[in-house]
PDB file of N, CA and C in Angstrom:
ATOM      1  N   MET A   1     107.297  34.990  56.923  1.00  0.00           N
ATOM      2  CA  MET A   1     108.707  34.431  55.904  1.00  0.00           C
ATOM      3  C   MET A   1     108.874  33.304  56.206  1.00  0.00           C
ATOM      4  N   ASN A   2     109.367  32.789  55.517  1.00  0.00           N
ATOM      5  CA  ASN A   2     110.113  30.942  55.483  1.00  0.00           C
ATOM      6  C   ASN A   2     111.325  31.736  56.386  1.00  0.00           C
ATOM      7  N   THR A   3     111.620  30.290  56.379  1.00  0.00           N
ATOM      8  CA  THR A   3     112.737  29.413  57.415  1.00  0.00           C
ATOM      9  C   THR A   3     113.521  28.544  56.838  1.00  0.00           C
ATOM     10  N   LEU A   4     114.723  28.886  56.719  1.00  0.00           N
ATOM     11  CA  LEU A   4     115.999  27.323  56.604  1.00  0.00           C
ATOM     12  C   LEU A   4     117.056  27.736  58.208  1.00  0.00           C
ATOM     13  N   ALA A   5     117.297  26.227  58.066  1.00  0.00           N
ATOM     14  CA  ALA A   5     118.841  26.135  59.480  1.00  0.00           C
ATOM     15  C   ALA A   5     119.343  26.348  57.975  1.00  0.00           C
ATOM     16  N   ALA A   6     120.963  26.487  58.542  1.00  0.00           N
ATOM     17  CA  ALA A   6     122.253  26.990  58.437  1.00  0.00           C
ATOM     18  C   ALA A   6     122.315  24.983  57.811  1.00  0.00           C
ATOM     19  N   GLN A   7     121.925  24.662  59.028  1.00  0.00           N
ATOM     20  CA  GLN A   7     123.017  23.097  58.738  1.00  0.00           C
ATOM     21  C   GLN A   7     121.784  22.337  57.103  1.00  0.00           C
ATOM     22  N   GLU A   8     120.460  22.802  57.188  1.00  0.00           N
ATOM     23  CA  GLU A   8     120.297  22.398  56.016  1.00  0.00           C
ATOM     24  C   GLU A   8     121.182  22.651  54.549  1.00  0.00           C
ATOM     25  N   ILE A   9     121.062  23.782  54.571  1.00  0.00           N
ATOM     26  CA  ILE A   9     122.004  23.810  53.249  1.00  0.00           C
ATOM     27  C   ILE A   9     123.295  23.159  53.779  1.00  0.00           C
ATOM     28  N   LYS A  10     123.877  23.056  54.837  1.00  0.00           N
ATOM     29  CA  LYS A  10     125.429  22.170  54.647  1.00  0.00           C
ATOM     30  C   LYS A  10     125.161  20.757  53.858  1.00  0.00           C
ATOM     31  N   ARG A  11     124.132  20.448  54.189  1.00  0.00           N
ATOM     32  CA  ARG A  11     123.302  18.579  53.752  1.00  0.00           C
ATOM     33  C   ARG A  11     123.110  18.477  52.555  1.00  0.00           C
ATOM     34  N   LYS A  12     121.829  19.752  51.899  1.00  0.00           N
ATOM     35  CA  LYS A  12     121.512  19.557  50.601  1.00  0.00           C
ATOM     36  C   LYS A  12     121.898  20.177  49.654  1.00  0.00           C
ATOM     37  N   GLY A  13     122.614  21.295  50.262  1.00  0.00           N
ATOM     38  CA  GLY A  13     123.470  23.039  49.413  1.00  0.00           C
ATOM     39  C   GLY A  13     122.188  23.780  48.887  1.00  0.00           C
ATOM     40  N   ILE A  14     122.445  24.255  48.028  1.00  0.00           N
ATOM     41  CA  ILE A  14     121.407  25.004  47.355  1.00  0.00           C
ATOM     42  C   ILE A  14     120.370  25.067  46.579  1.00  0.00           C
ATOM     43  N   SER A  15     120.292  24.050  46.895  1.00  0.00           N
ATOM     44  CA  SER A  15     118.778  23.184  46.079  1.00  0.00           C
ATOM     45  C   SER A  15     118.195  23.223  47.647  1.00  0.00           C
ATOM     46  N   ALA A  16     118.616  23.417  48.500  1.00  0.00           N
ATOM     47  CA  ALA A  16     117.639  23.777  49.701  1.00  0.00           C
ATOM     48  C   ALA A  16     116.791  24.713  49.801  1.00  0.00           C
ATOM     49  N   VAL A  17     117.720  25.726  49.237  1.00  0.00           N
ATOM     50  CA  VAL A  17     117.416  27.351  49.238  1.00  0.00           C
ATOM     51  C   VAL A  17     116.195  27.537  47.601  1.00  0.00           C
ATOM     52  N   ASP A  18     117.093  26.872  46.914  1.00  0.00           N
ATOM     53  CA  ASP A  18     116.231  27.279  46.004  1.00  0.00           C
ATOM     54  C   ASP A  18     114.830  26.416  46.378  1.00  0.00           C
ATOM     55  N   LYS A  19     114.534  25.604  46.956  1.00  0.00           N
ATOM     56  CA  LYS A  19     113.340  25.174  47.216  1.00  0.00           C
ATOM     57  C   LYS A  19     112.383  25.887  47.525  1.00  0.00           C
ATOM     58  N   VAL A  20     112.725  26.359  48.995  1.00  0.00           N
ATOM     59  CA  VAL A  20     111.744  27.358  49.588  1.00  0.00           C
ATOM     60  C   VAL A  20     111.991  28.826  49.141  1.00  0.00           C
ATOM     61  N   LEU A  21     112.530  29.146  48.322  1.00  0.00           N
ATOM     62  CA  LEU A  21     112.606  30.113  47.543  1.00  0.00           C
ATOM     63  C   LEU A  21     111.767  30.756  46.554  1.00  0.00           C
ATOM     64  N   GLN A  22     110.854  29.762  45.981  1.00  0.00           N
ATOM     65  CA  GLN A  22     110.305  29.195  45.611  1.00  0.00           C
ATOM     66  C   GLN A  22     108.283  29.966  46.500  1.00  0.00           C
ATOM     67  N   GLU A  23     108.652  29.983  47.277  1.00  0.00           N
ATOM     68  CA  GLU A  23     107.744  30.785  48.398  1.00  0.00           C
ATOM     69  C   GLU A  23     107.687  32.412  49.188  1.00  0.00           C
ATOM     70  N   GLY A  24     109.183  33.077  48.528  1.00  0.00           N
ATOM     71  CA  GLY A  24     109.083  33.823  48.416  1.00  0.00           C
ATOM     72  C   GLY A  24     110.205  33.846  49.628  1.00  0.00           C
ATOM     73  N   PRO A  25     110.675  35.575  49.936  1.00  0.00           N
ATOM     74  CA  PRO A  25     112.350  35.217  50.870  1.00  0.00           C
ATOM     75  C   PRO A  25     111.926  33.718  52.017  1.00  0.00           C
ATOM     76  N   VAL A  26     114.273  33.782  52.136  1.00  0.00           N
ATOM     77  CA  VAL A  26     113.819  33.126  52.999  1.00  0.00           C
ATOM     78  C   VAL A  26     114.656  33.444  54.475  1.00  0.00           C
ATOM     79  N   HIS A  27     114.798  33.343  55.842  1.00  0.00           N
ATOM     80  CA  HIS A  27     115.645  33.356  55.964  1.00  0.00           C
ATOM     81  C   HIS A  27     116.767  32.101  56.919  1.00  0.00           C
ATOM     82  N   ILE A  28     117.816  32.984  56.798  1.00  0.00           N
ATOM     83  CA  ILE A  28     118.530  31.326  56.977  1.00  0.00           C
ATOM     84  C   ILE A  28     118.869  31.580  58.680  1.00  0.00           C
ATOM     85  N   ILE A  29     118.642  30.467  59.457  1.00  0.00           N
ATOM     86  CA  ILE A  29     118.784  30.466  60.737  1.00  0.00           C
ATOM     87  C   ILE A  29     120.409  29.701  61.054  1.00  0.00           C
ATOM     88  N   LYS A  30     120.665  30.362  61.971  1.00  0.00           N
ATOM     89  CA  LYS A  30     121.825  30.163  62.764  1.00  0.00           C
ATOM     90  C   LYS A  30     121.889  30.418  63.502  1.00  0.00           C
ATOM     91  N   ASN A  31     121.888  29.705  64.571  1.00  0.00           N
ATOM     92  CA  ASN A  31     122.664  29.643  65.937  1.00  0.00           C
ATOM     93  C   ASN A  31     120.968  30.184  66.724  1.00  0.00           C
ATOM     94  N   ASN A  32     120.485  28.911  65.929  1.00  0.00           N
ATOM     95  CA  ASN A  32     119.157  29.375  66.327  1.00  0.00           C
ATOM     96  C   ASN A  32     117.871  31.244  66.116  1.00  0.00           C
ATOM     97  N   GLN A  33     118.862  31.443  65.499  1.00  0.00           N
ATOM     98  CA  GLN A  33     118.534  33.426  64.904  1.00  0.00           C
ATOM     99  C   GLN A  33     119.271  33.393  63.955  1.00  0.00           C
ATOM    100  N   PRO A  34     118.082  34.234  62.935  1.00  0.00           N
ATOM    101  CA  PRO A  34     117.924  35.087  61.343  1.00  0.00           C
ATOM    102  C   PRO A  34     119.190  35.299  62.340  1.00  0.00           C
ATOM    103  N   GLN A  35     120.559  35.170  60.283  1.00  0.00           N
ATOM    104  CA  GLN A  35     121.351  35.270  60.367  1.00  0.00           C
ATOM    105  C   GLN A  35     121.281  36.468  59.083  1.00  0.00           C
ATOM    106  N   TYR A  36     120.833  35.529  57.666  1.00  0.00           N
ATOM    107  CA  TYR A  36     120.550  35.990  56.754  1.00  0.00           C
ATOM    108  C   TYR A  36     119.457  36.348  55.767  1.00  0.00           C
ATOM    109  N   VAL A  37     118.915  37.007  54.685  1.00  0.00           N
ATOM    110  CA  VAL A  37     117.557  36.327  54.342  1.00  0.00           C
ATOM    111  C   VAL A  37     118.415  36.409  52.829  1.00  0.00           C
ATOM    112  N   VAL A  38     117.812  35.745  52.148  1.00  0.00           N
ATOM    113  CA  VAL A  38     117.366  34.923  50.431  1.00  0.00           C
ATOM    114  C   VAL A  38     116.355  35.964  49.545  1.00  0.00           C
ATOM    115  N   LEU A  39     116.734  35.907  48.794  1.00  0.00           N
ATOM    116  CA  LEU A  39     115.760  37.186  48.056  1.00  0.00           C
ATOM    117  C   LEU A  39     115.527  36.641  46.958  1.00  0.00           C
ATOM    118  N   SER A  40     114.729  36.038  46.019  1.00  0.00           N
ATOM    119  CA  SER A  40     115.083  35.764  44.616  1.00  0.00           C
ATOM    120  C   SER A  40     115.675  36.916  43.726  1.00  0.00           C
ATOM    121  N   GLU A  41     116.644  37.232  42.541  1.00  0.00           N
ATOM    122  CA  GLU A  41     117.107  38.503  42.042  1.00  0.00           C
ATOM    123  C   GLU A  41     116.024  39.198  41.416  1.00  0.00           C
ATOM    124  N   GLU A  42     115.044  38.803  40.786  1.00  0.00           N
ATOM    125  CA  GLU A  42     114.000  39.668  40.378  1.00  0.00           C
ATOM    126  C   GLU A  42     113.489  41.008  42.314  1.00  0.00           C
ATOM    127  N   ARG A  43     113.171  40.207  43.180  1.00  0.00           N
ATOM    128  CA  ARG A  43     112.758  40.680  44.569  1.00  0.00           C
ATOM    129  C   ARG A  43     113.942  41.718  44.678  1.00  0.00           C
ATOM    130  N   TYR A  44     114.376  41.781  44.727  1.00  0.00           N
ATOM    131  CA  TYR A  44     116.385  42.128  45.286  1.00  0.00           C
ATOM    132  C   TYR A  44     116.081  43.403  44.658  1.00  0.00           C
ATOM    133  N   GLN A  45     116.120  43.766  42.932  1.00  0.00           N
ATOM    134  CA  GLN A  45     115.989  44.791  42.017  1.00  0.00           C
ATOM    135  C   GLN A  45     114.830  45.546  42.151  1.00  0.00           C
ATOM    136  N   GLU A  46     113.955  44.834  42.726  1.00  0.00           N
ATOM    137  CA  GLU A  46     112.756  45.695  43.025  1.00  0.00           C
ATOM    138  C   GLU A  46     112.579  45.986  44.393  1.00  0.00           C
ATOM    139  N   LEU A  47     113.658  46.378  45.871  1.00  0.00           N
ATOM    140  CA  LEU A  47     114.029  46.727  47.152  1.00  0.00           C
ATOM    141  C   LEU A  47     114.754  47.855  46.075  1.00  0.00           C
ATOM    142  N   VAL A  48     115.679  47.833  45.438  1.00  0.00           N
ATOM    143  CA  VAL A  48     116.938  48.761  44.959  1.00  0.00           C
ATOM    144  C   VAL A  48     116.234  49.744  44.351  1.00  0.00           C
ATOM    145  N   GLU A  49     115.122  49.055  43.408  1.00  0.00           N
ATOM    146  CA  GLU A  49     114.388  50.052  42.468  1.00  0.00           C
ATOM    147  C   GLU A  49     114.161  51.087  43.544  1.00  0.00           C
ATOM    148  N   ALA A  50     113.067  50.873  44.275  1.00  0.00           N
ATOM    149  CA  ALA A  50     111.638  51.341  45.345  1.00  0.00           C
ATOM    150  C   ALA A  50     112.661  52.417  46.414  1.00  0.00           C
ATOM    151  N   GLU A  51     114.234  52.274  46.500  1.00  0.00           N
ATOM    152  CA  GLU A  51     114.781  52.660  47.026  1.00  0.00           C
ATOM    153  C   GLU A  51     115.581  53.926  46.396  1.00  0.00           C
ATOM    154  N   ASP A  52     115.977  53.403  44.658  1.00  0.00           N
ATOM    155  CA  ASP A  52     116.268  54.759  44.200  1.00  0.00           C
ATOM    156  C   ASP A  52     115.236  55.973  44.148  1.00  0.00           C
ATOM    157  N   GLU A  53     114.080  55.003  44.331  1.00  0.00           N
ATOM    158  CA  GLU A  53     112.722  56.117  43.829  1.00  0.00           C
ATOM    159  C   GLU A  53     112.969  57.326  44.877  1.00  0.00           C
ATOM    160  N   ALA A  54     112.563  56.014  46.416  1.00  0.00           N
ATOM    161  CA  ALA A  54     112.239  57.081  47.276  1.00  0.00           C
ATOM    162  C   ALA A  54     113.557  58.085  47.943  1.00  0.00           C
ATOM    163  N   TYR A  55     115.042  58.089  46.953  1.00  0.00           N
ATOM    164  CA  TYR A  55     115.832  58.957  47.319  1.00  0.00           C
ATOM    165  C   TYR A  55     116.401  59.464  47.087  1.00  0.00           C
ATOM    166  N   ASN A  56     115.506  59.978  44.843  1.00  0.00           N
ATOM    167  CA  ASN A  56     115.051  60.997  44.368  1.00  0.00           C
ATOM    168  C   ASN A  56     113.794  61.477  45.033  1.00  0.00           C
ATOM    169  N   ALA A  57     112.506  61.136  45.671  1.00  0.00           N
ATOM    170  CA  ALA A  57     111.354  61.887  45.903  1.00  0.00           C
ATOM    171  C   ALA A  57     112.672  62.669  47.098  1.00  0.00           C
ATOM    172  N   ARG A  58     112.956  62.222  47.912  1.00  0.00           N
ATOM    173  CA  ARG A  58     114.055  62.792  48.787  1.00  0.00           C
ATOM    174  C   ARG A  58     114.143  63.922  48.154  1.00  0.00           C
ATOM    175  N   ILE A  59     114.873  63.881  47.574  1.00  0.00           N
ATOM    176  CA  ILE A  59     115.977  64.915  47.308  1.00  0.00           C
ATOM    177  C   ILE A  59     114.800  65.351  46.485  1.00  0.00           C
ATOM    178  N   ARG A  60     113.787  65.563  45.602  1.00  0.00           N
ATOM    179  CA  ARG A  60     113.314  66.301  44.388  1.00  0.00           C
ATOM    180  C   ARG A  60     112.351  66.987  45.874  1.00  0.00           C
ATOM    181  N   GLU A  61     112.254  66.987  46.722  1.00  0.00           N
ATOM    182  CA  GLU A  61     111.281  67.916  48.077  1.00  0.00           C
ATOM    183  C   GLU A  61     112.176  68.430  48.389  1.00  0.00           C
ATOM    184  N   SER A  62     113.403  67.655  49.130  1.00  0.00           N
ATOM    185  CA  SER A  62     114.023  69.330  49.208  1.00  0.00           C
ATOM    186  C   SER A  62     114.464  70.127  48.154  1.00  0.00           C
ATOM    187  N   LEU A  63     114.533  69.897  47.453  1.00  0.00           N
ATOM    188  CA  LEU A  63     115.210  70.882  46.461  1.00  0.00           C
ATOM    189  C   LEU A  63     113.890  71.932  46.250  1.00  0.00           C
ATOM    190  N   ALA A  64     112.609  71.123  46.291  1.00  0.00           N
ATOM    191  CA  ALA A  64     111.357  72.401  45.804  1.00  0.00           C
ATOM    192  C   ALA A  64     111.073  74.130  47.267  1.00  0.00           C
ATOM    193  N   ASP A  65     111.849  72.736  49.040  1.00  0.00           N
ATOM    194  CA  ASP A  65     111.775  73.229  50.066  1.00  0.00           C
ATOM    195  C   ASP A  65     112.377  74.664  49.569  1.00  0.00           C
ATOM    196  N   LEU A  66     113.955  74.642  48.947  1.00  0.00           N
ATOM    197  CA  LEU A  66     115.046  75.215  49.025  1.00  0.00           C
ATOM    198  C   LEU A  66     114.000  76.809  48.395  1.00  0.00           C
ATOM    199  N   LYS A  67     113.459  75.671  46.743  1.00  0.00           N
ATOM    200  CA  LYS A  67     113.104  76.762  46.176  1.00  0.00           C
ATOM    201  C   LYS A  67     112.029  77.648  46.314  1.00  0.00           C
ATOM    202  N   ALA A  68     111.089  77.326  47.194  1.00  0.00           N
ATOM    203  CA  ALA A  68     110.112  78.331  47.980  1.00  0.00           C
ATOM    204  C   ALA A  68     110.459  78.517  49.373  1.00  0.00           C
ATOM    205  N   GLY A  69     111.940  78.818  49.923  1.00  0.00           N
ATOM    206  CA  GLY A  69     111.976  79.349  50.596  1.00  0.00           C
ATOM    207  C   GLY A  69     111.864  79.107  52.073  1.00  0.00           C
ATOM    208  N   ARG A  70     111.397  77.157  52.425  1.00  0.00           N
ATOM    209  CA  ARG A  70     111.349  76.882  52.930  1.00  0.00           C
ATOM    210  C   ARG A  70     112.210  76.992  54.369  1.00  0.00           C
ATOM    211  N   VAL A  71     113.128  77.006  53.548  1.00  0.00           N
ATOM    212  CA  VAL A  71     114.330  76.982  54.454  1.00  0.00           C
ATOM    213  C   VAL A  71     115.792  78.092  54.956  1.00  0.00           C
ATOM    214  N   LYS A  72     115.569  77.438  55.617  1.00  0.00           N
ATOM    215  CA  LYS A  72     115.971  78.794  56.932  1.00  0.00           C
ATOM    216  C   LYS A  72     118.736  77.788  56.595  1.00  0.00           C
ATOM    217  N   ARG A  73     118.695  79.239  56.791  1.00  0.00           N
ATOM    218  CA  ARG A  73     120.783  78.872  56.767  1.00  0.00           C
ATOM    219  C   ARG A  73     120.560  79.639  58.196  1.00  0.00           C
ATOM    220  N   GLY A  74     121.516  78.852  59.035  1.00  0.00           N
ATOM    221  CA  GLY A  74     122.555  79.241  60.011  1.00  0.00           C
ATOM    222  C   GLY A  74     123.330  78.363  60.407  1.00  0.00           C
ATOM    223  N   THR A  75     123.658  78.896  61.936  1.00  0.00           N
ATOM    224  CA  THR A  75     124.282  77.460  62.138  1.00  0.00           C
ATOM    225  C   THR A  75     123.740  77.232  63.804  1.00  0.00           C
ATOM    226  N   ALA A  76     123.912  76.356  63.993  1.00  0.00           N
ATOM    227  CA  ALA A  76     123.284  75.584  65.402  1.00  0.00           C
ATOM    228  C   ALA A  76     123.697  76.393  66.208  1.00  0.00           C
ATOM    229  N   LYS A  77     123.956  77.177  66.617  1.00  0.00           N
ATOM    230  CA  LYS A  77     123.793  78.464  67.648  1.00  0.00           C
ATOM    231  C   LYS A  77     122.211  78.960  67.386  1.00  0.00           C
ATOM    232  N   ASP A  78     122.016  79.389  66.285  1.00  0.00           N
ATOM    233  CA  ASP A  78     120.771  79.947  65.691  1.00  0.00           C
ATOM    234  C   ASP A  78     119.972  79.106  65.713  1.00  0.00           C
ATOM    235  N   LEU A  79     120.079  77.964  65.270  1.00  0.00           N
ATOM    236  CA  LEU A  79     118.892  76.342  65.204  1.00  0.00           C
ATOM    237  C   LEU A  79     118.703  77.214  67.350  1.00  0.00           C
ATOM    238  N   ILE A  80     119.559  76.574  68.309  1.00  0.00           N
ATOM    239  CA  ILE A  80     118.918  76.303  69.510  1.00  0.00           C
ATOM    240  C   ILE A  80     118.600  77.857  69.867  1.00  0.00           C
ATOM    241  N   LYS A  81     118.850  78.913  69.059  1.00  0.00           N
ATOM    242  CA  LYS A  81     118.106  80.352  70.215  1.00  0.00           C
ATOM    243  C   LYS A  81     117.166  80.591  69.825  1.00  0.00           C
ATOM    244  N   GLU A  82     116.821  79.707  68.074  1.00  0.00           N
ATOM    245  CA  GLU A  82     114.837  79.801  67.688  1.00  0.00           C
ATOM    246  C   GLU A  82     114.289  78.467  68.586  1.00  0.00           C
ATOM    247  N   LEU A  83     114.962  77.577  68.353  1.00  0.00           N
ATOM    248  CA  LEU A  83     113.689  76.508  70.013  1.00  0.00           C
ATOM    249  C   LEU A  83     113.638  77.287  70.622  1.00  0.00           C
ATOM    250  N   LYS A  84     114.899  78.230  71.283  1.00  0.00           N
ATOM    251  CA  LYS A  84     115.184  78.620  72.755  1.00  0.00           C
ATOM    252  C   LYS A  84     115.044  77.556  73.544  1.00  0.00           C
ATOM    253  N   LEU A  85     116.220  76.516  73.397  1.00  0.00           N
ATOM    254  CA  LEU A  85     116.845  75.651  74.559  1.00  0.00           C
ATOM    255  C   LEU A  85     117.561  76.008  75.097  1.00  0.00           C
ATOM    256  N   GLU A  86     118.206  77.014  75.041  1.00  0.00           N
ATOM    257  CA  GLU A  86     119.007  77.803  75.827  1.00  0.00           C
ATOM    258  C   GLU A  86     118.180  78.013  77.619  1.00  0.00           C
ATOM    259  N   ASP A  87     118.937  78.317  78.416  1.00  0.00           N
ATOM    260  CA  ASP A  87     118.694  78.936  79.509  1.00  0.00           C
ATOM    261  C   ASP A  87     118.436  80.437  79.675  1.00  0.00           C
TER     262      ASP A  87
END
């Protein structure tokens, strides 16, 4: 991943970020540590969409498990007993 010092942004402004961002996401370094990540709008939207798709897939899988009877309902005590976690 590309890096850019925060001081460089102070000196050159956003154009410093624009230049490096053309090569991909940019870690902004502050106090010798990566503090921020700058992404293009396109890449950000791709990540948001992927996150939404993953969330929806988990919901669909959970509903399928429920419909197929692979889900048990009970209390925490029931689960502890079933897993034989009590002495």
